[in-house]
């Protein structure tokens, strides 16, 4: 299954959310971020199953949220500070998202020398995409959660 992807409509920038399985009450999630030639990844028990379902519902509802005024942002945070999102409806039927992921590793980094911790960085990506693409990503994410939780 292809991970739910939030792909910017105009630039080579994306965030993929791939549920891998459960670890007790936590959902193990792999987050892959791409910004041009730069690529980062993070995997771990980042969300509870309830939080993951909340994320899917938040993404699905964002394009049609008429309670948001022009240029008004809404955000979603979780128990773990490693992942947070903010979003808004944008003109032209688009949605703008800011995805913040703490502690990511560069995909092309070589392993650290023995005894040293891997280098990590905090990544914040902005993506702008058509409302239907956000809704499709939300549905794919909820389906992936269901598969991972079994």
C-alpha atoms as a PDB file:
ATOM      1  CA  UNK A   1       0.000   0.000   0.000  1.00  0.00           C
ATOM      2  CA  UNK A   2       1.261   3.461  -0.888  1.00  0.00           C
ATOM      3  CA  UNK A   3       1.573   5.678   2.188  1.00  0.00           C
ATOM      4  CA  UNK A   4      -0.815   8.638   2.375  1.00  0.00           C
ATOM      5  CA  UNK A   5       0.998  11.483   0.699  1.00  0.00           C
ATOM      6  CA  UNK A   6       0.670  15.223   1.085  1.00  0.00           C
ATOM      7  CA  UNK A   7       2.356  16.417  -2.121  1.00  0.00           C
ATOM      8  CA  UNK A   8       2.725  20.111  -2.887  1.00  0.00           C
ATOM      9  CA  UNK A   9       0.920  21.019  -6.107  1.00  0.00           C
ATOM     10  CA  UNK A  10       3.777  23.098  -7.533  1.00  0.00           C
ATOM     11  CA  UNK A  11       7.077  22.182  -5.882  1.00  0.00           C
ATOM     12  CA  UNK A  12       8.906  18.896  -5.181  1.00  0.00           C
ATOM     13  CA  UNK A  13       7.886  18.986  -1.525  1.00  0.00           C
ATOM     14  CA  UNK A  14       5.924  16.253   0.249  1.00  0.00           C
ATOM     15  CA  UNK A  15       5.188  14.496   3.513  1.00  0.00           C
ATOM     16  CA  UNK A  16       4.194  10.814   3.616  1.00  0.00           C
ATOM     17  CA  UNK A  17       2.564   9.269   6.691  1.00  0.00           C
ATOM     18  CA  UNK A  18       2.909   5.491   6.766  1.00  0.00           C
ATOM     19  CA  UNK A  19       1.368   3.541   9.682  1.00  0.00           C
ATOM     20  CA  UNK A  20       3.572   0.487  10.254  1.00  0.00           C
ATOM     21  CA  UNK A  21       1.792  -1.283  13.113  1.00  0.00           C
ATOM     22  CA  UNK A  22       0.914  -1.033  16.771  1.00  0.00           C
ATOM     23  CA  UNK A  23       3.052  -0.947  19.867  1.00  0.00           C
ATOM     24  CA  UNK A  24       0.529  -1.304  22.692  1.00  0.00           C
ATOM     25  CA  UNK A  25      -1.767   1.740  22.486  1.00  0.00           C
ATOM     26  CA  UNK A  26       0.657   3.555  20.189  1.00  0.00           C
ATOM     27  CA  UNK A  27       0.652   3.548  16.421  1.00  0.00           C
ATOM     28  CA  UNK A  28       4.119   3.128  14.943  1.00  0.00           C
ATOM     29  CA  UNK A  29       4.334   5.645  12.142  1.00  0.00           C
ATOM     30  CA  UNK A  30       7.015   6.325   9.554  1.00  0.00           C
ATOM     31  CA  UNK A  31       7.102   9.922   8.354  1.00  0.00           C
ATOM     32  CA  UNK A  32       9.043  10.661   5.167  1.00  0.00           C
ATOM     33  CA  UNK A  33       9.630  14.290   4.207  1.00  0.00           C
ATOM     34  CA  UNK A  34      11.006  15.568   0.903  1.00  0.00           C
ATOM     35  CA  UNK A  35      12.010  19.114   0.035  1.00  0.00           C
ATOM     36  CA  UNK A  36      13.693  19.147  -3.366  1.00  0.00           C
ATOM     37  CA  UNK A  37      16.868  17.074  -3.079  1.00  0.00           C
ATOM     38  CA  UNK A  38      16.625  16.873   0.727  1.00  0.00           C
ATOM     39  CA  UNK A  39      15.017  13.791   2.291  1.00  0.00           C
ATOM     40  CA  UNK A  40      14.358  12.948   5.938  1.00  0.00           C
ATOM     41  CA  UNK A  41      12.681  10.110   7.779  1.00  0.00           C
ATOM     42  CA  UNK A  42      11.466   9.295  11.275  1.00  0.00           C
ATOM     43  CA  UNK A  43       9.814   6.130  12.547  1.00  0.00           C
ATOM     44  CA  UNK A  44       8.466   5.332  15.972  1.00  0.00           C
ATOM     45  CA  UNK A  45       5.385   5.219  18.186  1.00  0.00           C
ATOM     46  CA  UNK A  46       4.394   8.797  17.344  1.00  0.00           C
ATOM     47  CA  UNK A  47       0.607   8.720  17.865  1.00  0.00           C
ATOM     48  CA  UNK A  48      -1.981   6.847  19.847  1.00  0.00           C
ATOM     49  CA  UNK A  49      -4.570   5.068  17.709  1.00  0.00           C
ATOM     50  CA  UNK A  50      -7.146   7.674  18.795  1.00  0.00           C
ATOM     51  CA  UNK A  51      -4.784  10.513  17.824  1.00  0.00           C
ATOM     52  CA  UNK A  52      -4.190   8.906  14.431  1.00  0.00           C
ATOM     53  CA  UNK A  53      -7.945   8.711  13.853  1.00  0.00           C
ATOM     54  CA  UNK A  54      -8.242  12.357  14.938  1.00  0.00           C
ATOM     55  CA  UNK A  55      -5.555  13.271  12.392  1.00  0.00           C
ATOM     56  CA  UNK A  56      -7.460  11.476   9.632  1.00  0.00           C
ATOM     57  CA  UNK A  57     -10.693  13.254  10.580  1.00  0.00           C
ATOM     58  CA  UNK A  58      -8.929  16.630  10.830  1.00  0.00           C
ATOM     59  CA  UNK A  59      -7.399  16.227   7.364  1.00  0.00           C
ATOM     60  CA  UNK A  60     -10.718  15.077   5.885  1.00  0.00           C
ATOM     61  CA  UNK A  61     -12.620  17.999   7.392  1.00  0.00           C
ATOM     62  CA  UNK A  62     -10.140  20.775   6.707  1.00  0.00           C
ATOM     63  CA  UNK A  63     -11.016  21.451   3.037  1.00  0.00           C
ATOM     64  CA  UNK A  64     -14.697  22.002   3.838  1.00  0.00           C
ATOM     65  CA  UNK A  65     -14.371  23.714   7.225  1.00  0.00           C
ATOM     66  CA  UNK A  66     -16.497  26.797   6.687  1.00  0.00           C
ATOM     67  CA  UNK A  67     -16.034  27.879  10.310  1.00  0.00           C
ATOM     68  CA  UNK A  68     -12.542  29.097   9.423  1.00  0.00           C
ATOM     69  CA  UNK A  69     -12.356  32.693   8.310  1.00  0.00           C
ATOM     70  CA  UNK A  70     -10.187  33.900   5.468  1.00  0.00           C
ATOM     71  CA  UNK A  71      -6.545  33.217   6.255  1.00  0.00           C
ATOM     72  CA  UNK A  72      -7.425  31.554   9.593  1.00  0.00           C
ATOM     73  CA  UNK A  73      -5.240  28.625  10.621  1.00  0.00           C
ATOM     74  CA  UNK A  74      -6.209  25.618  12.707  1.00  0.00           C
ATOM     75  CA  UNK A  75      -3.677  23.297  14.321  1.00  0.00           C
ATOM     76  CA  UNK A  76      -3.424  19.773  15.626  1.00  0.00           C
ATOM     77  CA  UNK A  77      -0.938  18.625  18.258  1.00  0.00           C
ATOM     78  CA  UNK A  78      -0.437  15.300  19.980  1.00  0.00           C
ATOM     79  CA  UNK A  79       0.854  13.809  23.220  1.00  0.00           C
ATOM     80  CA  UNK A  80       4.226  13.299  21.552  1.00  0.00           C
ATOM     81  CA  UNK A  81       5.758  16.610  20.484  1.00  0.00           C
ATOM     82  CA  UNK A  82       7.435  14.905  17.511  1.00  0.00           C
ATOM     83  CA  UNK A  83       4.551  15.643  15.124  1.00  0.00           C
ATOM     84  CA  UNK A  84       2.237  18.617  14.731  1.00  0.00           C
ATOM     85  CA  UNK A  85       0.243  20.117  11.889  1.00  0.00           C
ATOM     86  CA  UNK A  86      -1.404  23.404  11.046  1.00  0.00           C
ATOM     87  CA  UNK A  87      -3.663  24.058   8.102  1.00  0.00           C
ATOM     88  CA  UNK A  88      -6.007  26.460   6.416  1.00  0.00           C
ATOM     89  CA  UNK A  89      -8.289  26.644   3.429  1.00  0.00           C
ATOM     90  CA  UNK A  90      -6.620  28.726   0.741  1.00  0.00           C
ATOM     91  CA  UNK A  91      -8.125  30.565  -2.223  1.00  0.00           C
ATOM     92  CA  UNK A  92      -8.791  28.545  -5.356  1.00  0.00           C
ATOM     93  CA  UNK A  93      -9.985  25.373  -3.635  1.00  0.00           C
ATOM     94  CA  UNK A  94      -6.622  24.596  -2.124  1.00  0.00           C
ATOM     95  CA  UNK A  95      -5.435  23.691   1.353  1.00  0.00           C
ATOM     96  CA  UNK A  96      -2.177  24.909   2.856  1.00  0.00           C
ATOM     97  CA  UNK A  97      -0.520  22.728   5.490  1.00  0.00           C
ATOM     98  CA  UNK A  98       2.501  23.182   7.732  1.00  0.00           C
ATOM     99  CA  UNK A  99       3.841  19.867   9.001  1.00  0.00           C
ATOM    100  CA  UNK A 100       6.407  19.892  11.809  1.00  0.00           C
ATOM    101  CA  UNK A 101       8.387  16.732  12.602  1.00  0.00           C
ATOM    102  CA  UNK A 102      11.044  16.756  15.327  1.00  0.00           C
ATOM    103  CA  UNK A 103      14.060  14.453  15.390  1.00  0.00           C
ATOM    104  CA  UNK A 104      14.194  13.398  11.739  1.00  0.00           C
ATOM    105  CA  UNK A 105      17.272  11.806  10.182  1.00  0.00           C
ATOM    106  CA  UNK A 106      18.546  12.540   6.698  1.00  0.00           C
ATOM    107  CA  UNK A 107      17.938   9.562   4.446  1.00  0.00           C
ATOM    108  CA  UNK A 108      21.407   9.834   2.897  1.00  0.00           C
ATOM    109  CA  UNK A 109      23.310  10.147   6.198  1.00  0.00           C
ATOM    110  CA  UNK A 110      25.882   7.494   6.892  1.00  0.00           C
ATOM    111  CA  UNK A 111      25.574   5.752  10.262  1.00  0.00           C
ATOM    112  CA  UNK A 112      27.323   7.522  13.140  1.00  0.00           C
ATOM    113  CA  UNK A 113      30.589   6.165  14.503  1.00  0.00           C
ATOM    114  CA  UNK A 114      30.193   3.606  17.303  1.00  0.00           C
ATOM    115  CA  UNK A 115      29.120   5.204  20.562  1.00  0.00           C
ATOM    116  CA  UNK A 116      27.711   8.347  18.947  1.00  0.00           C
ATOM    117  CA  UNK A 117      24.056   9.191  18.549  1.00  0.00           C
ATOM    118  CA  UNK A 118      22.671   9.657  15.055  1.00  0.00           C
ATOM    119  CA  UNK A 119      22.360  13.241  13.868  1.00  0.00           C
ATOM    120  CA  UNK A 120      18.801  14.497  13.785  1.00  0.00           C
ATOM    121  CA  UNK A 121      17.079  17.665  12.702  1.00  0.00           C
ATOM    122  CA  UNK A 122      13.683  19.246  13.121  1.00  0.00           C
ATOM    123  CA  UNK A 123      11.843  19.668   9.829  1.00  0.00           C
ATOM    124  CA  UNK A 124       8.959  22.017   9.061  1.00  0.00           C
ATOM    125  CA  UNK A 125       7.498  21.751   5.581  1.00  0.00           C
ATOM    126  CA  UNK A 126       4.771  23.793   3.994  1.00  0.00           C
ATOM    127  CA  UNK A 127       2.686  22.133   1.306  1.00  0.00           C
ATOM    128  CA  UNK A 128      -0.160  23.562  -0.719  1.00  0.00           C
ATOM    129  CA  UNK A 129      -2.447  21.145  -2.501  1.00  0.00           C
ATOM    130  CA  UNK A 130      -5.898  20.843  -4.010  1.00  0.00           C
ATOM    131  CA  UNK A 131      -8.695  20.115  -1.537  1.00  0.00           C
ATOM    132  CA  UNK A 132      -9.552  16.732  -3.161  1.00  0.00           C
ATOM    133  CA  UNK A 133      -5.914  15.621  -2.716  1.00  0.00           C
ATOM    134  CA  UNK A 134      -6.148  16.339   1.030  1.00  0.00           C
ATOM    135  CA  UNK A 135      -9.397  14.383   1.268  1.00  0.00           C
ATOM    136  CA  UNK A 136      -7.836  11.445  -0.639  1.00  0.00           C
ATOM    137  CA  UNK A 137      -4.808  11.482   1.676  1.00  0.00           C
ATOM    138  CA  UNK A 138      -7.128  11.498   4.710  1.00  0.00           C
ATOM    139  CA  UNK A 139      -9.060   8.466   3.436  1.00  0.00           C
ATOM    140  CA  UNK A 140      -5.828   6.622   2.602  1.00  0.00           C
ATOM    141  CA  UNK A 141      -4.438   7.419   6.064  1.00  0.00           C
ATOM    142  CA  UNK A 142      -7.540   6.114   7.861  1.00  0.00           C
ATOM    143  CA  UNK A 143      -7.463   2.942   5.730  1.00  0.00           C
ATOM    144  CA  UNK A 144      -3.759   2.488   6.510  1.00  0.00           C
ATOM    145  CA  UNK A 145      -4.463   2.950  10.240  1.00  0.00           C
ATOM    146  CA  UNK A 146      -7.101   0.230  10.089  1.00  0.00           C
ATOM    147  CA  UNK A 147      -4.701  -2.146   8.335  1.00  0.00           C
ATOM    148  CA  UNK A 148      -1.853  -1.381  10.745  1.00  0.00           C
ATOM    149  CA  UNK A 149      -4.058  -1.769  13.816  1.00  0.00           C
ATOM    150  CA  UNK A 150      -5.120  -5.324  12.906  1.00  0.00           C
END
